[in-house]
Amino acid sequence: MPFARTLPLLLALALLALAPAARGHEPGFRVMSYNIRVDVPTDTPTWDERRPHMAAQIAFLDPDILGVQEAHSAMVGYLADRLPGYDRYGLGRDDGGPVGETTTVFWKRDRYDRVSVDTFWCSPTPEVPSKGWDAAYPRTVTRVVLRDRRDGGLLDVRNTHFDHVGEEAREQCAVLVSRLTPAVVDGETARVVLMGDFNTGPGTPPWQRIIASGLADARGLSPVVFGPAGTFNAFDVTKDNDGVAIDHVFVGPGVAVERFGVLTDSFSGRVISDHFPVVADLRVAAP
């Protein structure tokens, strides 16, 4: 492989080599958002070709919390079998059942206890499976409230996938997400992490609504940022990015950002998904 193509991977590995020192300051934690691209038989590369590399990539990055999008239940099952240290939650977007495309959240079983889980739909009737406004498909927000065994703190994790067609649907879903107040358990308010494929970039109305709700873009807060600006590659290994980040991690008060990266790993000259995963190393801080 030419040096020009291997350089991003070498830089990524160098950055990640620094991670253990930063993560040693408890209660630091790593989150990862990944649109894994639903299984489409005509894709090149196919899911069967991509999936072992994706599982190995996730295992290497070792996130404490992972949110996936376009994740059909069969794909989730494959990853879960190869990531045995994680529990997970996610419902099918079409009917709220166990089968179908999900926005599943994984979390490390030995670190977090599940407090509560829920799924909302981006529609005027968010508590029932439904498609809203001008969206092409039903869209979900997966919510998982976790208690960290290391410090007893609460995390309110939301993972979502905004519609790729409907402008109104994206903005209304941002309104829905923004109105979700932080979970309160036994008088304790959880710290919020929102991640996903938002199909919209910084400065757009949906992004602005999320920021106005009191959340902050982790990329903008991070003192260390690695990787391209854009996060969508359309399976084109020669296309570094389109210059627009559409996959984001947002954090609420009491969550500090130590580093943020967009990782462009590939195999045999092919990318692992049509989106690059985004990774943020976070830590609990004074709100």
C-alpha atoms as a PDB file:
ATOM      1  CA  MET A   1       0.000   0.000   0.000  1.00  0.00           C
ATOM      2  CA  PRO A   2       1.481   3.429  -0.887  1.00  0.00           C
ATOM      3  CA  PHE A   3       2.799   5.465   1.991  1.00  0.00           C
ATOM      4  CA  ALA A   4       0.281   8.247   1.289  1.00  0.00           C
ATOM      5  CA  ARG A   5      -2.566   5.823   1.990  1.00  0.00           C
ATOM      6  CA  THR A   6      -0.961   4.338   5.107  1.00  0.00           C
ATOM      7  CA  LEU A   7      -0.094   7.674   6.689  1.00  0.00           C
ATOM      8  CA  PRO A   8      -3.622   8.360   8.060  1.00  0.00           C
ATOM      9  CA  LEU A   9      -3.688   4.928   9.691  1.00  0.00           C
ATOM     10  CA  LEU A  10      -0.225   5.402  11.195  1.00  0.00           C
ATOM     11  CA  LEU A  11      -1.247   8.766  12.587  1.00  0.00           C
ATOM     12  CA  ALA A  12      -4.443   7.271  13.996  1.00  0.00           C
ATOM     13  CA  LEU A  13      -2.492   4.528  15.721  1.00  0.00           C
ATOM     14  CA  ALA A  14      -0.078   7.087  17.133  1.00  0.00           C
ATOM     15  CA  LEU A  15      -2.977   9.116  18.503  1.00  0.00           C
ATOM     16  CA  LEU A  16      -4.612   6.075  20.025  1.00  0.00           C
ATOM     17  CA  ALA A  17      -1.326   5.057  21.616  1.00  0.00           C
ATOM     18  CA  LEU A  18      -1.669   8.129  23.804  1.00  0.00           C
ATOM     19  CA  ALA A  19      -5.180   7.189  24.899  1.00  0.00           C
ATOM     20  CA  PRO A  20      -4.415   4.894  27.867  1.00  0.00           C
ATOM     21  CA  ALA A  21      -2.674   7.684  29.761  1.00  0.00           C
ATOM     22  CA  ALA A  22      -5.593  10.046  29.296  1.00  0.00           C
ATOM     23  CA  ARG A  23      -8.162   7.359  30.055  1.00  0.00           C
ATOM     24  CA  GLY A  24      -6.366   6.457  33.245  1.00  0.00           C
ATOM     25  CA  HIS A  25      -7.770   9.600  34.851  1.00  0.00           C
ATOM     26  CA  GLU A  26     -11.039   8.175  36.099  1.00  0.00           C
ATOM     27  CA  PRO A  27     -13.834   8.528  35.408  1.00  0.00           C
ATOM     28  CA  GLY A  28     -12.781   8.991  31.789  1.00  0.00           C
ATOM     29  CA  PHE A  29     -14.694   7.067  29.145  1.00  0.00           C
ATOM     30  CA  ARG A  30     -14.615   6.592  25.378  1.00  0.00           C
ATOM     31  CA  VAL A  31     -17.688   6.868  23.167  1.00  0.00           C
ATOM     32  CA  MET A  32     -17.896   5.862  19.537  1.00  0.00           C
ATOM     33  CA  SER A  33     -20.605   6.632  16.977  1.00  0.00           C
ATOM     34  CA  TYR A  34     -20.650   4.494  13.844  1.00  0.00           C
ATOM     35  CA  ASN A  35     -23.015   4.356  10.886  1.00  0.00           C
ATOM     36  CA  ILE A  36     -22.233   0.800   9.857  1.00  0.00           C
ATOM     37  CA  ARG A  37     -24.244   0.894   6.597  1.00  0.00           C
ATOM     38  CA  VAL A  38     -27.199  -1.444   6.360  1.00  0.00           C
ATOM     39  CA  ASP A  39     -26.583  -4.716   4.503  1.00  0.00           C
ATOM     40  CA  VAL A  40     -27.171  -3.989   0.799  1.00  0.00           C
ATOM     41  CA  PRO A  41     -26.170  -6.961  -1.402  1.00  0.00           C
ATOM     42  CA  THR A  42     -25.074  -4.714  -4.290  1.00  0.00           C
ATOM     43  CA  ASP A  43     -22.646  -2.706  -2.154  1.00  0.00           C
ATOM     44  CA  THR A  44     -18.924  -2.927  -2.858  1.00  0.00           C
ATOM     45  CA  PRO A  45     -17.588  -4.072  -0.480  1.00  0.00           C
ATOM     46  CA  THR A  46     -20.449  -6.194   0.826  1.00  0.00           C
ATOM     47  CA  TRP A  47     -21.406  -6.530   4.473  1.00  0.00           C
ATOM     48  CA  ASP A  48     -19.896 -10.033   4.572  1.00  0.00           C
ATOM     49  CA  GLU A  49     -16.590  -8.578   3.380  1.00  0.00           C
ATOM     50  CA  ARG A  50     -16.705  -5.593   5.719  1.00  0.00           C
ATOM     51  CA  ARG A  51     -17.942  -7.105   8.939  1.00  0.00           C
ATOM     52  CA  PRO A  52     -14.817  -8.897  10.270  1.00  0.00           C
ATOM     53  CA  HIS A  53     -12.796  -5.717   9.816  1.00  0.00           C
ATOM     54  CA  MET A  54     -15.474  -3.654  11.526  1.00  0.00           C
ATOM     55  CA  ALA A  55     -15.630  -5.989  14.509  1.00  0.00           C
ATOM     56  CA  ALA A  56     -11.826  -5.921  14.798  1.00  0.00           C
ATOM     57  CA  GLN A  57     -11.763  -2.135  14.468  1.00  0.00           C
ATOM     58  CA  ILE A  58     -14.309  -1.672  17.250  1.00  0.00           C
ATOM     59  CA  ALA A  59     -12.522  -4.179  19.487  1.00  0.00           C
ATOM     60  CA  PHE A  60      -9.232  -2.347  18.929  1.00  0.00           C
ATOM     61  CA  LEU A  61     -10.707   1.073  19.691  1.00  0.00           C
ATOM     62  CA  ASP A  62     -12.305  -0.434  22.800  1.00  0.00           C
ATOM     63  CA  PRO A  63     -15.103   2.107  23.364  1.00  0.00           C
ATOM     64  CA  ASP A  64     -16.883   2.089  26.695  1.00  0.00           C
ATOM     65  CA  ILE A  65     -20.084   3.082  24.899  1.00  0.00           C
ATOM     66  CA  LEU A  66     -20.853   2.475  21.224  1.00  0.00           C
ATOM     67  CA  GLY A  67     -23.798   3.817  19.244  1.00  0.00           C
ATOM     68  CA  VAL A  68     -24.455   2.301  15.805  1.00  0.00           C
ATOM     69  CA  GLN A  69     -26.788   3.442  13.055  1.00  0.00           C
ATOM     70  CA  GLU A  70     -28.282   1.574  10.077  1.00  0.00           C
ATOM     71  CA  ALA A  71     -27.745  -1.476  12.243  1.00  0.00           C
ATOM     72  CA  HIS A  72     -30.114  -4.267  11.259  1.00  0.00           C
ATOM     73  CA  SER A  73     -30.705  -6.718  14.083  1.00  0.00           C
ATOM     74  CA  ALA A  74     -28.771  -9.443  12.235  1.00  0.00           C
ATOM     75  CA  MET A  75     -25.791  -7.106  11.923  1.00  0.00           C
ATOM     76  CA  VAL A  76     -26.072  -6.199  15.600  1.00  0.00           C
ATOM     77  CA  GLY A  77     -26.064  -9.900  16.432  1.00  0.00           C
ATOM     78  CA  TYR A  78     -22.882 -10.452  14.436  1.00  0.00           C
ATOM     79  CA  LEU A  79     -21.085  -7.623  16.224  1.00  0.00           C
ATOM     80  CA  ALA A  80     -22.412  -8.691  19.619  1.00  0.00           C
ATOM     81  CA  ASP A  81     -21.023 -12.197  19.134  1.00  0.00           C
ATOM     82  CA  ARG A  82     -17.587 -10.689  18.541  1.00  0.00           C
ATOM     83  CA  LEU A  83     -17.827  -8.066  21.272  1.00  0.00           C
ATOM     84  CA  PRO A  84     -18.724 -10.335  24.192  1.00  0.00           C
ATOM     85  CA  GLY A  85     -17.960  -7.761  26.873  1.00  0.00           C
ATOM     86  CA  TYR A  86     -20.915  -5.556  25.949  1.00  0.00           C
ATOM     87  CA  ASP A  87     -24.596  -5.400  26.739  1.00  0.00           C
ATOM     88  CA  ARG A  88     -26.876  -3.667  24.250  1.00  0.00           C
ATOM     89  CA  TYR A  89     -30.313  -2.220  23.597  1.00  0.00           C
ATOM     90  CA  GLY A  90     -32.083  -1.211  20.400  1.00  0.00           C
ATOM     91  CA  LEU A  91     -35.499  -1.746  18.809  1.00  0.00           C
ATOM     92  CA  GLY A  92     -36.500  -2.080  15.165  1.00  0.00           C
ATOM     93  CA  ARG A  93     -37.514   1.237  13.692  1.00  0.00           C
ATOM     94  CA  ASP A  94     -40.501  -0.083  11.746  1.00  0.00           C
ATOM     95  CA  ASP A  95     -42.536  -1.680  14.532  1.00  0.00           C
ATOM     96  CA  GLY A  96     -40.530  -1.403  17.747  1.00  0.00           C
ATOM     97  CA  GLY A  97     -39.859  -5.133  17.730  1.00  0.00           C
ATOM     98  CA  PRO A  98     -36.626  -7.113  18.034  1.00  0.00           C
ATOM     99  CA  VAL A  99     -36.087  -7.409  14.262  1.00  0.00           C
ATOM    100  CA  GLY A 100     -35.228  -4.668  11.803  1.00  0.00           C
ATOM    101  CA  GLU A 101     -32.974  -1.649  11.436  1.00  0.00           C
ATOM    102  CA  THR A 102     -31.956  -0.145  14.779  1.00  0.00           C
ATOM    103  CA  THR A 103     -29.945   2.584  16.464  1.00  0.00           C
ATOM    104  CA  THR A 104     -28.505   0.196  19.033  1.00  0.00           C
ATOM    105  CA  VAL A 105     -26.384   1.300  21.983  1.00  0.00           C
ATOM    106  CA  PHE A 106     -23.669  -1.029  23.332  1.00  0.00           C
ATOM    107  CA  TRP A 107     -22.034  -0.516  26.735  1.00  0.00           C
ATOM    108  CA  LYS A 108     -19.355  -2.372  28.662  1.00  0.00           C
ATOM    109  CA  ARG A 109     -20.964  -4.862  30.976  1.00  0.00           C
ATOM    110  CA  ASP A 110     -18.206  -4.754  33.582  1.00  0.00           C
ATOM    111  CA  ARG A 111     -18.359  -0.982  33.897  1.00  0.00           C
ATOM    112  CA  TYR A 112     -22.008   0.074  33.622  1.00  0.00           C
ATOM    113  CA  ASP A 113     -25.277  -1.029  35.143  1.00  0.00           C
ATOM    114  CA  ARG A 114     -28.409  -0.449  33.100  1.00  0.00           C
ATOM    115  CA  VAL A 115     -30.843   1.869  34.886  1.00  0.00           C
ATOM    116  CA  SER A 116     -33.457   2.361  32.152  1.00  0.00           C
ATOM    117  CA  VAL A 117     -33.915   2.154  28.386  1.00  0.00           C
ATOM    118  CA  ASP A 118     -36.377   3.671  25.948  1.00  0.00           C
ATOM    119  CA  THR A 119     -36.977   4.313  22.259  1.00  0.00           C
ATOM    120  CA  PHE A 120     -38.574   7.369  20.686  1.00  0.00           C
ATOM    121  CA  TRP A 121     -39.631   7.942  17.097  1.00  0.00           C
ATOM    122  CA  CYS A 122     -38.971  11.189  15.257  1.00  0.00           C
ATOM    123  CA  SER A 123     -42.607  11.949  14.564  1.00  0.00           C
ATOM    124  CA  PRO A 124     -45.580  13.806  16.070  1.00  0.00           C
ATOM    125  CA  THR A 125     -46.285  10.564  18.004  1.00  0.00           C
ATOM    126  CA  PRO A 126     -42.819   9.742  19.369  1.00  0.00           C
ATOM    127  CA  GLU A 127     -43.947   6.992  21.722  1.00  0.00           C
ATOM    128  CA  VAL A 128     -45.343   4.756  18.969  1.00  0.00           C
ATOM    129  CA  PRO A 129     -43.583   3.412  15.863  1.00  0.00           C
ATOM    130  CA  SER A 130     -44.191   6.016  13.166  1.00  0.00           C
ATOM    131  CA  LYS A 131     -42.702   8.105  10.378  1.00  0.00           C
ATOM    132  CA  GLY A 132     -42.790  11.862  10.752  1.00  0.00           C
ATOM    133  CA  TRP A 133     -43.168  14.889   8.497  1.00  0.00           C
ATOM    134  CA  ASP A 134     -41.253  14.604   5.203  1.00  0.00           C
ATOM    135  CA  ALA A 135     -39.005  11.720   6.277  1.00  0.00           C
ATOM    136  CA  ALA A 136     -38.307   8.882   3.879  1.00  0.00           C
ATOM    137  CA  TYR A 137     -38.161   6.309   6.695  1.00  0.00           C
ATOM    138  CA  PRO A 138     -39.101   5.949  10.350  1.00  0.00           C
ATOM    139  CA  ARG A 139     -36.300   7.350  12.520  1.00  0.00           C
ATOM    140  CA  THR A 140     -35.547   6.503  16.127  1.00  0.00           C
ATOM    141  CA  VAL A 141     -33.783   7.858  19.176  1.00  0.00           C
ATOM    142  CA  THR A 142     -32.429   5.114  21.439  1.00  0.00           C
ATOM    143  CA  ARG A 143     -32.004   6.209  25.048  1.00  0.00           C
ATOM    144  CA  VAL A 144     -30.028   4.295  27.664  1.00  0.00           C
ATOM    145  CA  VAL A 145     -29.448   5.506  31.219  1.00  0.00           C
ATOM    146  CA  LEU A 146     -26.393   3.894  32.812  1.00  0.00           C
ATOM    147  CA  ARG A 147     -24.766   3.976  36.216  1.00  0.00           C
ATOM    148  CA  ASP A 148     -20.981   3.929  36.194  1.00  0.00           C
ATOM    149  CA  ARG A 149     -19.678   1.380  38.687  1.00  0.00           C
ATOM    150  CA  ARG A 150     -16.380   3.246  39.007  1.00  0.00           C
ATOM    151  CA  ASP A 151     -17.770   6.474  40.408  1.00  0.00           C
ATOM    152  CA  GLY A 152     -21.507   5.830  40.796  1.00  0.00           C
ATOM    153  CA  GLY A 153     -22.351   8.581  38.315  1.00  0.00           C
ATOM    154  CA  LEU A 154     -25.265   8.534  35.897  1.00  0.00           C
ATOM    155  CA  LEU A 155     -24.990   8.809  32.117  1.00  0.00           C
ATOM    156  CA  ASP A 156     -27.966   9.553  29.863  1.00  0.00           C
ATOM    157  CA  VAL A 157     -26.910   8.266  26.435  1.00  0.00           C
ATOM    158  CA  ARG A 158     -28.936   9.014  23.296  1.00  0.00           C
ATOM    159  CA  ASN A 159     -28.157   7.545  19.870  1.00  0.00           C
ATOM    160  CA  THR A 160     -30.052   8.582  16.753  1.00  0.00           C
ATOM    161  CA  HIS A 161     -30.157   8.662  12.963  1.00  0.00           C
ATOM    162  CA  PHE A 162     -31.874  11.668  11.401  1.00  0.00           C
ATOM    163  CA  ASP A 163     -33.551  11.323   8.015  1.00  0.00           C
ATOM    164  CA  HIS A 164     -31.433  11.820   4.909  1.00  0.00           C
ATOM    165  CA  VAL A 165     -34.257  13.317   2.822  1.00  0.00           C
ATOM    166  CA  GLY A 166     -36.640  15.334   4.970  1.00  0.00           C
ATOM    167  CA  GLU A 167     -35.365  18.750   6.033  1.00  0.00           C
ATOM    168  CA  GLU A 168     -38.372  19.331   8.268  1.00  0.00           C
ATOM    169  CA  ALA A 169     -37.995  15.844   9.724  1.00  0.00           C
ATOM    170  CA  ARG A 170     -34.392  16.560  10.683  1.00  0.00           C
ATOM    171  CA  GLU A 171     -35.281  19.820  12.367  1.00  0.00           C
ATOM    172  CA  GLN A 172     -38.259  18.343  14.189  1.00  0.00           C
ATOM    173  CA  CYS A 173     -36.169  15.407  15.370  1.00  0.00           C
ATOM    174  CA  ALA A 174     -33.650  17.904  16.724  1.00  0.00           C
ATOM    175  CA  VAL A 175     -36.525  19.561  18.588  1.00  0.00           C
ATOM    176  CA  LEU A 176     -37.548  16.200  20.050  1.00  0.00           C
ATOM    177  CA  VAL A 177     -34.008  15.370  21.129  1.00  0.00           C
ATOM    178  CA  SER A 178     -33.543  18.841  22.598  1.00  0.00           C
ATOM    179  CA  ARG A 179     -36.675  18.515  24.705  1.00  0.00           C
ATOM    180  CA  LEU A 180     -35.509  15.292  26.348  1.00  0.00           C
ATOM    181  CA  THR A 181     -34.516  16.536  29.778  1.00  0.00           C
ATOM    182  CA  PRO A 182     -31.648  14.727  31.520  1.00  0.00           C
ATOM    183  CA  ALA A 183     -32.687  11.647  33.448  1.00  0.00           C
ATOM    184  CA  VAL A 184     -33.048  12.053  37.206  1.00  0.00           C
ATOM    185  CA  VAL A 185     -32.624   8.965  39.409  1.00  0.00           C
ATOM    186  CA  ASP A 186     -33.027   9.197  43.186  1.00  0.00           C
ATOM    187  CA  GLY A 187     -32.548  12.940  42.997  1.00  0.00           C
ATOM    188  CA  GLU A 188     -29.373  12.694  40.906  1.00  0.00           C
ATOM    189  CA  THR A 189     -29.269  14.286  37.465  1.00  0.00           C
ATOM    190  CA  ALA A 190     -27.517  12.307  34.749  1.00  0.00           C
ATOM    191  CA  ARG A 191     -24.881  13.721  32.430  1.00  0.00           C
ATOM    192  CA  VAL A 192     -25.939  13.639  28.783  1.00  0.00           C
ATOM    193  CA  VAL A 193     -24.154  12.264  25.720  1.00  0.00           C
ATOM    194  CA  LEU A 194     -25.923  12.468  22.348  1.00  0.00           C
ATOM    195  CA  MET A 195     -24.422  10.759  19.304  1.00  0.00           C
ATOM    196  CA  GLY A 196     -25.400   9.597  15.873  1.00  0.00           C
ATOM    197  CA  ASP A 197     -25.699  10.232  12.168  1.00  0.00           C
ATOM    198  CA  PHE A 198     -27.561  13.524  11.972  1.00  0.00           C
ATOM    199  CA  ASN A 199     -27.371  13.910   8.182  1.00  0.00           C
ATOM    200  CA  THR A 200     -26.672  17.582   8.751  1.00  0.00           C
ATOM    201  CA  GLY A 201     -23.600  19.660   9.402  1.00  0.00           C
ATOM    202  CA  PRO A 202     -22.471  22.315  11.861  1.00  0.00           C
ATOM    203  CA  GLY A 203     -24.399  25.561  11.718  1.00  0.00           C
ATOM    204  CA  THR A 204     -27.553  24.100  10.170  1.00  0.00           C
ATOM    205  CA  PRO A 205     -30.938  24.609  11.876  1.00  0.00           C
ATOM    206  CA  PRO A 206     -31.032  21.091  13.442  1.00  0.00           C
ATOM    207  CA  TRP A 207     -27.466  21.468  14.759  1.00  0.00           C
ATOM    208  CA  GLN A 208     -28.275  24.933  16.101  1.00  0.00           C
ATOM    209  CA  ARG A 209     -31.340  23.624  17.929  1.00  0.00           C
ATOM    210  CA  ILE A 210     -29.258  20.986  19.655  1.00  0.00           C
ATOM    211  CA  ILE A 211     -26.646  23.554  20.656  1.00  0.00           C
ATOM    212  CA  ALA A 212     -29.353  25.929  21.901  1.00  0.00           C
ATOM    213  CA  SER A 213     -30.628  23.174  24.203  1.00  0.00           C
ATOM    214  CA  GLY A 214     -27.394  23.335  26.216  1.00  0.00           C
ATOM    215  CA  LEU A 215     -25.419  20.564  24.532  1.00  0.00           C
ATOM    216  CA  ALA A 216     -22.024  21.203  22.948  1.00  0.00           C
ATOM    217  CA  ASP A 217     -20.342  19.659  19.908  1.00  0.00           C
ATOM    218  CA  ALA A 218     -17.524  17.450  21.213  1.00  0.00           C
ATOM    219  CA  ARG A 219     -15.333  18.228  18.215  1.00  0.00           C
ATOM    220  CA  GLY A 220     -15.462  21.935  19.016  1.00  0.00           C
ATOM    221  CA  LEU A 221     -14.638  21.372  22.687  1.00  0.00           C
ATOM    222  CA  SER A 222     -11.753  18.987  22.146  1.00  0.00           C
ATOM    223  CA  PRO A 223      -8.174  20.252  22.576  1.00  0.00           C
ATOM    224  CA  VAL A 224      -7.030  17.395  20.320  1.00  0.00           C
ATOM    225  CA  VAL A 225      -8.824  16.741  17.014  1.00  0.00           C
ATOM    226  CA  PHE A 226      -7.695  14.110  14.518  1.00  0.00           C
ATOM    227  CA  GLY A 227      -8.939  13.183  11.060  1.00  0.00           C
ATOM    228  CA  PRO A 228     -10.869  14.844   8.254  1.00  0.00           C
ATOM    229  CA  ALA A 229     -13.716  17.286   8.688  1.00  0.00           C
ATOM    230  CA  GLY A 230     -16.197  15.151   6.777  1.00  0.00           C
ATOM    231  CA  THR A 231     -17.533  11.822   7.998  1.00  0.00           C
ATOM    232  CA  PHE A 232     -19.269  10.421   4.869  1.00  0.00           C
ATOM    233  CA  ASN A 233     -17.254   8.653   2.169  1.00  0.00           C
ATOM    234  CA  ALA A 234     -19.836   6.820  -0.011  1.00  0.00           C
ATOM    235  CA  PHE A 235     -17.519   3.766  -0.115  1.00  0.00           C
ATOM    236  CA  ASP A 236     -15.002   5.746  -2.159  1.00  0.00           C
ATOM    237  CA  VAL A 237     -11.567   5.108  -0.681  1.00  0.00           C
ATOM    238  CA  THR A 238     -10.075   7.955  -2.726  1.00  0.00           C
ATOM    239  CA  LYS A 239     -12.565  10.429  -1.282  1.00  0.00           C
ATOM    240  CA  ASP A 240     -11.198  11.606   2.029  1.00  0.00           C
ATOM    241  CA  ASN A 241     -14.399  13.478   2.841  1.00  0.00           C
ATOM    242  CA  ASP A 242     -16.885  15.963   1.478  1.00  0.00           C
ATOM    243  CA  GLY A 243     -15.831  18.551   4.017  1.00  0.00           C
ATOM    244  CA  VAL A 244     -19.011  18.294   6.080  1.00  0.00           C
ATOM    245  CA  ALA A 245     -19.355  16.422   9.360  1.00  0.00           C
ATOM    246  CA  ILE A 246     -22.749  14.734   9.563  1.00  0.00           C
ATOM    247  CA  ASP A 247     -21.853  12.265  12.329  1.00  0.00           C
ATOM    248  CA  HIS A 248     -21.531  13.975  15.694  1.00  0.00           C
ATOM    249  CA  VAL A 249     -21.078  13.547  19.428  1.00  0.00           C
ATOM    250  CA  PHE A 250     -22.692  16.168  21.662  1.00  0.00           C
ATOM    251  CA  VAL A 251     -22.153  16.462  25.400  1.00  0.00           C
ATOM    252  CA  GLY A 252     -24.058  18.169  28.176  1.00  0.00           C
ATOM    253  CA  PRO A 253     -22.869  20.076  31.242  1.00  0.00           C
ATOM    254  CA  GLY A 254     -20.499  18.085  33.415  1.00  0.00           C
ATOM    255  CA  VAL A 255     -18.856  16.234  30.515  1.00  0.00           C
ATOM    256  CA  ALA A 256     -15.427  17.401  29.334  1.00  0.00           C
ATOM    257  CA  VAL A 257     -13.800  16.360  26.056  1.00  0.00           C
ATOM    258  CA  GLU A 258     -10.160  15.238  25.974  1.00  0.00           C
ATOM    259  CA  ARG A 259      -9.803  14.179  22.330  1.00  0.00           C
ATOM    260  CA  PHE A 260     -11.945  13.686  19.250  1.00  0.00           C
ATOM    261  CA  GLY A 261     -11.206  11.738  16.087  1.00  0.00           C
ATOM    262  CA  VAL A 262     -12.664  10.765  12.723  1.00  0.00           C
ATOM    263  CA  LEU A 263     -10.981   7.471  11.819  1.00  0.00           C
ATOM    264  CA  THR A 264     -10.404   6.548   8.185  1.00  0.00           C
ATOM    265  CA  ASP A 265      -9.189   2.950   8.541  1.00  0.00           C
ATOM    266  CA  SER A 266      -9.460   0.733   5.458  1.00  0.00           C
ATOM    267  CA  PHE A 267      -8.769  -2.850   4.378  1.00  0.00           C
ATOM    268  CA  SER A 268      -7.303  -3.948   1.042  1.00  0.00           C
ATOM    269  CA  GLY A 269      -7.848  -0.441  -0.287  1.00  0.00           C
ATOM    270  CA  ARG A 270     -11.513  -0.368   0.750  1.00  0.00           C
ATOM    271  CA  VAL A 271     -13.260   1.480   3.535  1.00  0.00           C
ATOM    272  CA  ILE A 272     -15.105  -0.421   6.265  1.00  0.00           C
ATOM    273  CA  SER A 273     -18.359   1.542   5.980  1.00  0.00           C
ATOM    274  CA  ASP A 274     -19.704   4.425   3.920  1.00  0.00           C
ATOM    275  CA  HIS A 275     -19.289   6.589   7.032  1.00  0.00           C
ATOM    276  CA  PHE A 276     -16.137   7.029   9.074  1.00  0.00           C
ATOM    277  CA  PRO A 277     -16.611   6.318  12.792  1.00  0.00           C
ATOM    278  CA  VAL A 278     -16.205   9.193  15.210  1.00  0.00           C
ATOM    279  CA  VAL A 279     -14.583   8.640  18.600  1.00  0.00           C
ATOM    280  CA  ALA A 280     -14.487  10.952  21.617  1.00  0.00           C
ATOM    281  CA  ASP A 281     -12.590  10.491  24.856  1.00  0.00           C
ATOM    282  CA  LEU A 282     -14.650  12.138  27.586  1.00  0.00           C
ATOM    283  CA  ARG A 283     -14.481  12.593  31.321  1.00  0.00           C
ATOM    284  CA  VAL A 284     -16.834  13.661  34.051  1.00  0.00           C
ATOM    285  CA  ALA A 285     -16.238  17.241  35.139  1.00  0.00           C
ATOM    286  CA  ALA A 286     -17.929  19.833  37.293  1.00  0.00           C
ATOM    287  CA  PRO A 287     -21.222  20.871  35.637  1.00  0.00           C
END
